[in-house]
Amino acid sequence: MSHLWNRHARLEYYETIEYYARIDGKLGERFVAGVEDAIDKMSRTPERFRRFDGDMRKVRVEGFPYGVIYRIEGRELHIIAIMHLHRRPGYWRDRHN
């Protein structure tokens, strides 16, 4: 399945990469690999991950306290947020692609 990024989610992604890369370049690379792996999993089996908050779904980024929040719309996956799992729950609810 193809995926589309909400502009805020894309910005969160890049900011988080930069944050981890400032700590250690390899850590930034690991975060990118973790997000790519999460997106690959949700693309292969999008309904595998449980629904929450209406039609939203979440797949965890392995090794990091982040999740990729998405919804299925036809044959596309809309990435709504790259969310830190322990901060500001639900801040992304008003986002639309």
PDB file of N, CA and C in Angstrom:
ATOM      1  N   MET A   1       0.838  -1.191   0.000  1.00  0.00           N
ATOM      2  CA  MET A   1       0.000   0.000   0.000  1.00  0.00           C
ATOM      3  C   MET A   1       0.876   1.246   0.000  1.00  0.00           C
ATOM      4  N   SER A   2       0.406   2.244  -0.681  1.00  0.00           N
ATOM      5  CA  SER A   2       1.145   3.506  -0.661  1.00  0.00           C
ATOM      6  C   SER A   2       0.794   4.283   0.607  1.00  0.00           C
ATOM      7  N   HIS A   3       1.624   5.226   0.942  1.00  0.00           N
ATOM      8  CA  HIS A   3       1.359   6.032   2.129  1.00  0.00           C
ATOM      9  C   HIS A   3       1.593   7.512   1.829  1.00  0.00           C
ATOM     10  N   LEU A   4       0.805   8.334   2.482  1.00  0.00           N
ATOM     11  CA  LEU A   4       0.902   9.782   2.370  1.00  0.00           C
ATOM     12  C   LEU A   4       1.190  10.349   3.743  1.00  0.00           C
ATOM     13  N   TRP A   5       2.051  11.336   3.801  1.00  0.00           N
ATOM     14  CA  TRP A   5       2.433  11.954   5.065  1.00  0.00           C
ATOM     15  C   TRP A   5       1.667  13.246   5.287  1.00  0.00           C
ATOM     16  N   ASN A   6       1.125  13.411   6.463  1.00  0.00           N
ATOM     17  CA  ASN A   6       0.636  14.714   6.902  1.00  0.00           C
ATOM     18  C   ASN A   6       1.868  15.590   7.069  1.00  0.00           C
ATOM     19  N   ARG A   7       1.782  16.857   6.688  1.00  0.00           N
ATOM     20  CA  ARG A   7       2.977  17.717   6.736  1.00  0.00           C
ATOM     21  C   ARG A   7       3.522  17.859   8.156  1.00  0.00           C
ATOM     22  N   HIS A   8       2.646  17.830   9.155  1.00  0.00           N
ATOM     23  CA  HIS A   8       3.102  17.927  10.543  1.00  0.00           C
ATOM     24  C   HIS A   8       3.845  16.650  10.959  1.00  0.00           C
ATOM     25  N   ALA A   9       3.351  15.514  10.491  1.00  0.00           N
ATOM     26  CA  ALA A   9       4.016  14.246  10.797  1.00  0.00           C
ATOM     27  C   ALA A   9       5.407  14.216  10.182  1.00  0.00           C
ATOM     28  N   ARG A  10       5.535  14.696   8.959  1.00  0.00           N
ATOM     29  CA  ARG A  10       6.842  14.734   8.290  1.00  0.00           C
ATOM     30  C   ARG A  10       7.806  15.631   9.080  1.00  0.00           C
ATOM     31  N   LEU A  11       7.319  16.767   9.531  1.00  0.00           N
ATOM     32  CA  LEU A  11       8.145  17.679  10.330  1.00  0.00           C
ATOM     33  C   LEU A  11       8.567  17.023  11.644  1.00  0.00           C
ATOM     34  N   GLU A  12       7.637  16.337  12.320  1.00  0.00           N
ATOM     35  CA  GLU A  12       7.974  15.618  13.561  1.00  0.00           C
ATOM     36  C   GLU A  12       9.071  14.588  13.304  1.00  0.00           C
ATOM     37  N   TYR A  13       8.940  13.893  12.192  1.00  0.00           N
ATOM     38  CA  TYR A  13       9.904  12.863  11.825  1.00  0.00           C
ATOM     39  C   TYR A  13      11.299  13.477  11.688  1.00  0.00           C
ATOM     40  N   TYR A  14      11.408  14.547  10.906  1.00  0.00           N
ATOM     41  CA  TYR A  14      12.709  15.176  10.683  1.00  0.00           C
ATOM     42  C   TYR A  14      13.283  15.770  11.971  1.00  0.00           C
ATOM     43  N   GLU A  15      12.436  16.388  12.777  1.00  0.00           N
ATOM     44  CA  GLU A  15      12.914  16.964  14.033  1.00  0.00           C
ATOM     45  C   GLU A  15      13.441  15.883  14.975  1.00  0.00           C
ATOM     46  N   THR A  16      12.758  14.742  14.988  1.00  0.00           N
ATOM     47  CA  THR A  16      13.191  13.649  15.861  1.00  0.00           C
ATOM     48  C   THR A  16      14.490  13.037  15.360  1.00  0.00           C
ATOM     49  N   ILE A  17      14.628  12.914  14.045  1.00  0.00           N
ATOM     50  CA  ILE A  17      15.901  12.431  13.485  1.00  0.00           C
ATOM     51  C   ILE A  17      17.029  13.354  13.923  1.00  0.00           C
ATOM     52  N   GLU A  18      16.815  14.654  13.780  1.00  0.00           N
ATOM     53  CA  GLU A  18      17.848  15.625  14.170  1.00  0.00           C
ATOM     54  C   GLU A  18      18.178  15.528  15.657  1.00  0.00           C
ATOM     55  N   TYR A  19      17.148  15.368  16.489  1.00  0.00           N
ATOM     56  CA  TYR A  19      17.361  15.252  17.928  1.00  0.00           C
ATOM     57  C   TYR A  19      18.267  14.055  18.234  1.00  0.00           C
ATOM     58  N   TYR A  20      17.933  12.893  17.694  1.00  0.00           N
ATOM     59  CA  TYR A  20      18.737  11.710  17.976  1.00  0.00           C
ATOM     60  C   TYR A  20      20.125  11.799  17.335  1.00  0.00           C
ATOM     61  N   ALA A  21      20.223  12.401  16.160  1.00  0.00           N
ATOM     62  CA  ALA A  21      21.526  12.531  15.496  1.00  0.00           C
ATOM     63  C   ALA A  21      22.458  13.449  16.278  1.00  0.00           C
ATOM     64  N   ARG A  22      21.904  14.460  16.962  1.00  0.00           N
ATOM     65  CA  ARG A  22      22.750  15.332  17.793  1.00  0.00           C
ATOM     66  C   ARG A  22      23.334  14.561  18.973  1.00  0.00           C
ATOM     67  N   ILE A  23      22.582  13.604  19.474  1.00  0.00           N
ATOM     68  CA  ILE A  23      23.078  12.774  20.578  1.00  0.00           C
ATOM     69  C   ILE A  23      24.175  11.846  20.060  1.00  0.00           C
ATOM     70  N   ASP A  24      23.868  11.204  18.921  1.00  0.00           N
ATOM     71  CA  ASP A  24      24.805  10.262  18.301  1.00  0.00           C
ATOM     72  C   ASP A  24      24.303   9.991  16.886  1.00  0.00           C
ATOM     73  N   GLY A  25      25.158  10.160  15.902  1.00  0.00           N
ATOM     74  CA  GLY A  25      24.769   9.954  14.504  1.00  0.00           C
ATOM     75  C   GLY A  25      24.160   8.586  14.257  1.00  0.00           C
ATOM     76  N   LYS A  26      24.720   7.586  14.891  1.00  0.00           N
ATOM     77  CA  LYS A  26      24.203   6.220  14.712  1.00  0.00           C
ATOM     78  C   LYS A  26      22.799   6.082  15.295  1.00  0.00           C
ATOM     79  N   LEU A  27      22.526   6.826  16.360  1.00  0.00           N
ATOM     80  CA  LEU A  27      21.202   6.795  16.972  1.00  0.00           C
ATOM     81  C   LEU A  27      20.167   7.385  16.012  1.00  0.00           C
ATOM     82  N   GLY A  28      20.530   8.470  15.338  1.00  0.00           N
ATOM     83  CA  GLY A  28      19.646   9.047  14.319  1.00  0.00           C
ATOM     84  C   GLY A  28      19.364   8.047  13.213  1.00  0.00           C
ATOM     85  N   GLU A  29      20.390   7.340  12.779  1.00  0.00           N
ATOM     86  CA  GLU A  29      20.226   6.322  11.735  1.00  0.00           C
ATOM     87  C   GLU A  29      19.326   5.186  12.212  1.00  0.00           C
ATOM     88  N   ARG A  30      19.499   4.783  13.474  1.00  0.00           N
ATOM     89  CA  ARG A  30      18.648   3.719  14.026  1.00  0.00           C
ATOM     90  C   ARG A  30      17.189   4.152  14.077  1.00  0.00           C
ATOM     91  N   PHE A  31      16.946   5.435  14.407  1.00  0.00           N
ATOM     92  CA  PHE A  31      15.566   5.934  14.435  1.00  0.00           C
ATOM     93  C   PHE A  31      14.961   5.881  13.033  1.00  0.00           C
ATOM     94  N   VAL A  32      15.696   6.324  12.034  1.00  0.00           N
ATOM     95  CA  VAL A  32      15.205   6.270  10.651  1.00  0.00           C
ATOM     96  C   VAL A  32      14.873   4.827  10.276  1.00  0.00           C
ATOM     97  N   ALA A  33      15.775   3.900  10.576  1.00  0.00           N
ATOM     98  CA  ALA A  33      15.543   2.484  10.256  1.00  0.00           C
ATOM     99  C   ALA A  33      14.308   1.957  10.990  1.00  0.00           C
ATOM    100  N   GLY A  34      14.116   2.376  12.243  1.00  0.00           N
ATOM    101  CA  GLY A  34      12.957   1.931  13.015  1.00  0.00           C
ATOM    102  C   GLY A  34      11.650   2.440  12.431  1.00  0.00           C
ATOM    103  N   VAL A  35      11.620   3.705  12.011  1.00  0.00           N
ATOM    104  CA  VAL A  35      10.406   4.264  11.400  1.00  0.00           C
ATOM    105  C   VAL A  35      10.141   3.590  10.053  1.00  0.00           C
ATOM    106  N   GLU A  36      11.185   3.404   9.254  1.00  0.00           N
ATOM    107  CA  GLU A  36      11.012   2.734   7.969  1.00  0.00           C
ATOM    108  C   GLU A  36      10.484   1.316   8.147  1.00  0.00           C
ATOM    109  N   ASP A  37      10.978   0.622   9.164  1.00  0.00           N
ATOM    110  CA  ASP A  37      10.497  -0.732   9.455  1.00  0.00           C
ATOM    111  C   ASP A  37       9.019  -0.702   9.876  1.00  0.00           C
ATOM    112  N   ALA A  38       8.651   0.256  10.707  1.00  0.00           N
ATOM    113  CA  ALA A  38       7.248   0.385  11.136  1.00  0.00           C
ATOM    114  C   ALA A  38       6.341   0.665   9.936  1.00  0.00           C
ATOM    115  N   ILE A  39       6.776   1.542   9.046  1.00  0.00           N
ATOM    116  CA  ILE A  39       5.982   1.868   7.858  1.00  0.00           C
ATOM    117  C   ILE A  39       5.880   0.659   6.942  1.00  0.00           C
ATOM    118  N   ASP A  40       6.965  -0.103   6.820  1.00  0.00           N
ATOM    119  CA  ASP A  40       6.929  -1.318   6.015  1.00  0.00           C
ATOM    120  C   ASP A  40       5.917  -2.316   6.580  1.00  0.00           C
ATOM    121  N   LYS A  41       5.926  -2.499   7.893  1.00  0.00           N
ATOM    122  CA  LYS A  41       4.975  -3.420   8.532  1.00  0.00           C
ATOM    123  C   LYS A  41       3.544  -2.983   8.291  1.00  0.00           C
ATOM    124  N   MET A  42       3.262  -1.698   8.477  1.00  0.00           N
ATOM    125  CA  MET A  42       1.884  -1.241   8.310  1.00  0.00           C
ATOM    126  C   MET A  42       1.473  -1.272   6.846  1.00  0.00           C
ATOM    127  N   SER A  43       2.423  -1.125   5.929  1.00  0.00           N
ATOM    128  CA  SER A  43       2.102  -1.186   4.503  1.00  0.00           C
ATOM    129  C   SER A  43       1.751  -2.611   4.068  1.00  0.00           C
ATOM    130  N   ARG A  44       2.451  -3.584   4.647  1.00  0.00           N
ATOM    131  CA  ARG A  44       2.197  -4.986   4.286  1.00  0.00           C
ATOM    132  C   ARG A  44       0.899  -5.510   4.880  1.00  0.00           C
ATOM    133  N   THR A  45       0.628  -5.155   6.130  1.00  0.00           N
ATOM    134  CA  THR A  45      -0.570  -5.651   6.817  1.00  0.00           C
ATOM    135  C   THR A  45      -1.208  -4.518   7.618  1.00  0.00           C
ATOM    136  N   PRO A  46      -1.842  -3.576   6.935  1.00  0.00           N
ATOM    137  CA  PRO A  46      -2.324  -2.363   7.611  1.00  0.00           C
ATOM    138  C   PRO A  46      -3.389  -2.604   8.677  1.00  0.00           C
ATOM    139  N   GLU A  47      -4.162  -3.632   8.538  1.00  0.00           N
ATOM    140  CA  GLU A  47      -5.227  -3.879   9.515  1.00  0.00           C
ATOM    141  C   GLU A  47      -4.748  -4.696  10.707  1.00  0.00           C
ATOM    142  N   ARG A  48      -3.490  -5.088  10.688  1.00  0.00           N
ATOM    143  CA  ARG A  48      -2.900  -5.875  11.781  1.00  0.00           C
ATOM    144  C   ARG A  48      -2.876  -5.094  13.095  1.00  0.00           C
ATOM    145  N   PHE A  49      -2.699  -3.794  13.005  1.00  0.00           N
ATOM    146  CA  PHE A  49      -2.557  -2.973  14.196  1.00  0.00           C
ATOM    147  C   PHE A  49      -3.917  -2.465  14.645  1.00  0.00           C
ATOM    148  N   ARG A  50      -4.152  -2.554  15.947  1.00  0.00           N
ATOM    149  CA  ARG A  50      -5.484  -2.278  16.488  1.00  0.00           C
ATOM    150  C   ARG A  50      -5.893  -0.830  16.311  1.00  0.00           C
ATOM    151  N   ARG A  51      -7.181  -0.648  16.198  1.00  0.00           N
ATOM    152  CA  ARG A  51      -7.753   0.693  16.109  1.00  0.00           C
ATOM    153  C   ARG A  51      -7.791   1.325  17.494  1.00  0.00           C
ATOM    154  N   PHE A  52      -7.687   2.619  17.506  1.00  0.00           N
ATOM    155  CA  PHE A  52      -7.917   3.390  18.721  1.00  0.00           C
ATOM    156  C   PHE A  52      -8.371   4.764  18.257  1.00  0.00           C
ATOM    157  N   ASP A  53      -9.028   5.464  19.108  1.00  0.00           N
ATOM    158  CA  ASP A  53      -9.459   6.828  18.792  1.00  0.00           C
ATOM    159  C   ASP A  53     -10.137   6.895  17.427  1.00  0.00           C
ATOM    160  N   GLY A  54     -11.208   6.150  17.275  1.00  0.00           N
ATOM    161  CA  GLY A  54     -11.919   6.122  15.994  1.00  0.00           C
ATOM    162  C   GLY A  54     -11.241   5.182  15.021  1.00  0.00           C
ATOM    163  N   ASP A  55     -10.832   5.716  13.872  1.00  0.00           N
ATOM    164  CA  ASP A  55     -10.227   4.866  12.839  1.00  0.00           C
ATOM    165  C   ASP A  55      -8.701   4.941  12.803  1.00  0.00           C
ATOM    166  N   MET A  56      -8.097   5.529  13.825  1.00  0.00           N
ATOM    167  CA  MET A  56      -6.635   5.622  13.878  1.00  0.00           C
ATOM    168  C   MET A  56      -6.036   4.293  14.309  1.00  0.00           C
ATOM    169  N   ARG A  57      -4.821   4.070  13.869  1.00  0.00           N
ATOM    170  CA  ARG A  57      -4.051   2.886  14.256  1.00  0.00           C
ATOM    171  C   ARG A  57      -2.646   3.334  14.610  1.00  0.00           C
ATOM    172  N   LYS A  58      -1.963   2.483  15.367  1.00  0.00           N
ATOM    173  CA  LYS A  58      -0.618   2.846  15.822  1.00  0.00           C
ATOM    174  C   LYS A  58       0.289   1.640  15.697  1.00  0.00           C
ATOM    175  N   VAL A  59       1.485   1.875  15.167  1.00  0.00           N
ATOM    176  CA  VAL A  59       2.532   0.858  15.148  1.00  0.00           C
ATOM    177  C   VAL A  59       3.744   1.466  15.853  1.00  0.00           C
ATOM    178  N   ARG A  60       4.288   0.718  16.777  1.00  0.00           N
ATOM    179  CA  ARG A  60       5.433   1.208  17.561  1.00  0.00           C
ATOM    180  C   ARG A  60       6.706   1.190  16.727  1.00  0.00           C
ATOM    181  N   VAL A  61       7.575   2.151  17.030  1.00  0.00           N
ATOM    182  CA  VAL A  61       8.906   2.209  16.432  1.00  0.00           C
ATOM    183  C   VAL A  61       9.821   1.448  17.385  1.00  0.00           C
ATOM    184  N   GLU A  62      10.289   0.309  16.928  1.00  0.00           N
ATOM    185  CA  GLU A  62      11.079  -0.566  17.798  1.00  0.00           C
ATOM    186  C   GLU A  62      12.347   0.125  18.292  1.00  0.00           C
ATOM    187  N   GLY A  63      12.555   0.025  19.604  1.00  0.00           N
ATOM    188  CA  GLY A  63      13.750   0.582  20.214  1.00  0.00           C
ATOM    189  C   GLY A  63      13.636   2.042  20.612  1.00  0.00           C
ATOM    190  N   PHE A  64      12.481   2.664  20.346  1.00  0.00           N
ATOM    191  CA  PHE A  64      12.274   4.079  20.654  1.00  0.00           C
ATOM    192  C   PHE A  64      10.877   4.273  21.235  1.00  0.00           C
ATOM    193  N   PRO A  65      10.692   5.320  22.026  1.00  0.00           N
ATOM    194  CA  PRO A  65       9.365   5.558  22.614  1.00  0.00           C
ATOM    195  C   PRO A  65       8.445   6.332  21.658  1.00  0.00           C
ATOM    196  N   TYR A  66       8.383   5.876  20.416  1.00  0.00           N
ATOM    197  CA  TYR A  66       7.584   6.534  19.390  1.00  0.00           C
ATOM    198  C   TYR A  66       6.662   5.543  18.707  1.00  0.00           C
ATOM    199  N   GLY A  67       5.597   6.084  18.142  1.00  0.00           N
ATOM    200  CA  GLY A  67       4.686   5.294  17.346  1.00  0.00           C
ATOM    201  C   GLY A  67       4.324   6.065  16.089  1.00  0.00           C
ATOM    202  N   VAL A  68       4.023   5.319  15.026  1.00  0.00           N
ATOM    203  CA  VAL A  68       3.526   5.919  13.792  1.00  0.00           C
ATOM    204  C   VAL A  68       2.006   5.809  13.854  1.00  0.00           C
ATOM    205  N   ILE A  69       1.338   6.951  13.873  1.00  0.00           N
ATOM    206  CA  ILE A  69      -0.121   6.994  13.920  1.00  0.00           C
ATOM    207  C   ILE A  69      -0.614   7.137  12.488  1.00  0.00           C
ATOM    208  N   TYR A  70      -1.528   6.267  12.085  1.00  0.00           N
ATOM    209  CA  TYR A  70      -2.011   6.296  10.706  1.00  0.00           C
ATOM    210  C   TYR A  70      -3.468   5.875  10.640  1.00  0.00           C
ATOM    211  N   ARG A  71      -4.054   6.132   9.480  1.00  0.00           N
ATOM    212  CA  ARG A  71      -5.396   5.630   9.198  1.00  0.00           C
ATOM    213  C   ARG A  71      -5.410   5.105   7.771  1.00  0.00           C
ATOM    214  N   ILE A  72      -6.297   4.167   7.541  1.00  0.00           N
ATOM    215  CA  ILE A  72      -6.442   3.553   6.224  1.00  0.00           C
ATOM    216  C   ILE A  72      -7.554   4.293   5.485  1.00  0.00           C
ATOM    217  N   GLU A  73      -7.251   4.732   4.287  1.00  0.00           N
ATOM    218  CA  GLU A  73      -8.256   5.361   3.433  1.00  0.00           C
ATOM    219  C   GLU A  73      -8.159   4.716   2.057  1.00  0.00           C
ATOM    220  N   GLY A  74      -9.064   3.791   1.796  1.00  0.00           N
ATOM    221  CA  GLY A  74      -9.014   3.067   0.528  1.00  0.00           C
ATOM    222  C   GLY A  74      -7.743   2.256   0.437  1.00  0.00           C
ATOM    223  N   ARG A  75      -6.949   2.533  -0.592  1.00  0.00           N
ATOM    224  CA  ARG A  75      -5.687   1.815  -0.784  1.00  0.00           C
ATOM    225  C   ARG A  75      -4.482   2.652  -0.357  1.00  0.00           C
ATOM    226  N   GLU A  76      -4.737   3.663   0.461  1.00  0.00           N
ATOM    227  CA  GLU A  76      -3.655   4.513   0.950  1.00  0.00           C
ATOM    228  C   GLU A  76      -3.630   4.533   2.468  1.00  0.00           C
ATOM    229  N   LEU A  77      -2.435   4.657   2.986  1.00  0.00           N
ATOM    230  CA  LEU A  77      -2.241   4.838   4.417  1.00  0.00           C
ATOM    231  C   LEU A  77      -1.842   6.286   4.642  1.00  0.00           C
ATOM    232  N   HIS A  78      -2.549   6.961   5.504  1.00  0.00           N
ATOM    233  CA  HIS A  78      -2.265   8.355   5.813  1.00  0.00           C
ATOM    234  C   HIS A  78      -1.529   8.412   7.151  1.00  0.00           C
ATOM    235  N   ILE A  79      -0.277   8.830   7.109  1.00  0.00           N
ATOM    236  CA  ILE A  79       0.522   8.966   8.317  1.00  0.00           C
ATOM    237  C   ILE A  79       0.175  10.307   8.944  1.00  0.00           C
ATOM    238  N   ILE A  80      -0.394  10.243  10.139  1.00  0.00           N
ATOM    239  CA  ILE A  80      -0.901  11.426  10.821  1.00  0.00           C
ATOM    240  C   ILE A  80       0.121  12.011  11.788  1.00  0.00           C
ATOM    241  N   ALA A  81       0.904  11.154  12.432  1.00  0.00           N
ATOM    242  CA  ALA A  81       1.864  11.651  13.418  1.00  0.00           C
ATOM    243  C   ALA A  81       2.980  10.631  13.632  1.00  0.00           C
ATOM    244  N   ILE A  82       4.136  11.165  14.000  1.00  0.00           N
ATOM    245  CA  ILE A  82       5.227  10.364  14.560  1.00  0.00           C
ATOM    246  C   ILE A  82       5.252  10.812  16.017  1.00  0.00           C
ATOM    247  N   MET A  83       4.556  10.060  16.843  1.00  0.00           N
ATOM    248  CA  MET A  83       4.203  10.508  18.191  1.00  0.00           C
ATOM    249  C   MET A  83       5.092   9.892  19.267  1.00  0.00           C
ATOM    250  N   HIS A  84       5.600  10.750  20.144  1.00  0.00           N
ATOM    251  CA  HIS A  84       6.276  10.258  21.346  1.00  0.00           C
ATOM    252  C   HIS A  84       5.183   9.652  22.218  1.00  0.00           C
ATOM    253  N   LEU A  85       5.366   8.430  22.644  1.00  0.00           N
ATOM    254  CA  LEU A  85       4.307   7.689  23.334  1.00  0.00           C
ATOM    255  C   LEU A  85       4.079   8.110  24.776  1.00  0.00           C
ATOM    256  N   HIS A  86       4.950   8.963  25.319  1.00  0.00           N
ATOM    257  CA  HIS A  86       4.808   9.357  26.719  1.00  0.00           C
ATOM    258  C   HIS A  86       4.600  10.858  26.903  1.00  0.00           C
ATOM    259  N   ARG A  87       4.272  11.545  25.824  1.00  0.00           N
ATOM    260  CA  ARG A  87       4.065  12.999  25.898  1.00  0.00           C
ATOM    261  C   ARG A  87       2.794  13.395  25.169  1.00  0.00           C
ATOM    262  N   ARG A  88       2.107  14.348  25.680  1.00  0.00           N
ATOM    263  CA  ARG A  88       0.949  14.990  25.049  1.00  0.00           C
ATOM    264  C   ARG A  88       0.056  14.047  24.236  1.00  0.00           C
ATOM    265  N   PRO A  89      -0.578  13.088  24.845  1.00  0.00           N
ATOM    266  CA  PRO A  89      -1.435  12.179  24.081  1.00  0.00           C
ATOM    267  C   PRO A  89      -2.559  12.939  23.375  1.00  0.00           C
ATOM    268  N   GLY A  90      -2.822  12.551  22.147  1.00  0.00           N
ATOM    269  CA  GLY A  90      -3.937  13.106  21.398  1.00  0.00           C
ATOM    270  C   GLY A  90      -3.722  14.464  20.775  1.00  0.00           C
ATOM    271  N   TYR A  91      -2.504  15.022  20.856  1.00  0.00           N
ATOM    272  CA  TYR A  91      -2.265  16.355  20.304  1.00  0.00           C
ATOM    273  C   TYR A  91      -2.528  16.424  18.802  1.00  0.00           C
ATOM    274  N   TRP A  92      -2.483  15.311  18.113  1.00  0.00           N
ATOM    275  CA  TRP A  92      -2.584  15.226  16.665  1.00  0.00           C
ATOM    276  C   TRP A  92      -4.024  15.075  16.165  1.00  0.00           C
ATOM    277  N   ARG A  93      -5.002  14.987  17.061  1.00  0.00           N
ATOM    278  CA  ARG A  93      -6.370  14.654  16.675  1.00  0.00           C
ATOM    279  C   ARG A  93      -6.997  15.566  15.624  1.00  0.00           C
ATOM    280  N   ASP A  94      -6.601  16.805  15.567  1.00  0.00           N
ATOM    281  CA  ASP A  94      -7.207  17.743  14.606  1.00  0.00           C
ATOM    282  C   ASP A  94      -6.530  17.743  13.242  1.00  0.00           C
ATOM    283  N   ARG A  95      -5.592  16.873  13.033  1.00  0.00           N
ATOM    284  CA  ARG A  95      -4.876  16.844  11.758  1.00  0.00           C
ATOM    285  C   ARG A  95      -5.684  16.146  10.672  1.00  0.00           C
ATOM    286  N   HIS A  96      -5.632  16.722   9.518  1.00  0.00           N
ATOM    287  CA  HIS A  96      -6.252  16.137   8.326  1.00  0.00           C
ATOM    288  C   HIS A  96      -5.230  16.240   7.209  1.00  0.00           C
ATOM    289  N   ASN A  97      -5.254  15.297   6.289  1.00  0.00           N
ATOM    290  CA  ASN A  97      -4.303  15.378   5.156  1.00  0.00           C
ATOM    291  C   ASN A  97      -4.790  16.369   4.142  1.00  0.00           C
TER     292      ASN A  97
END
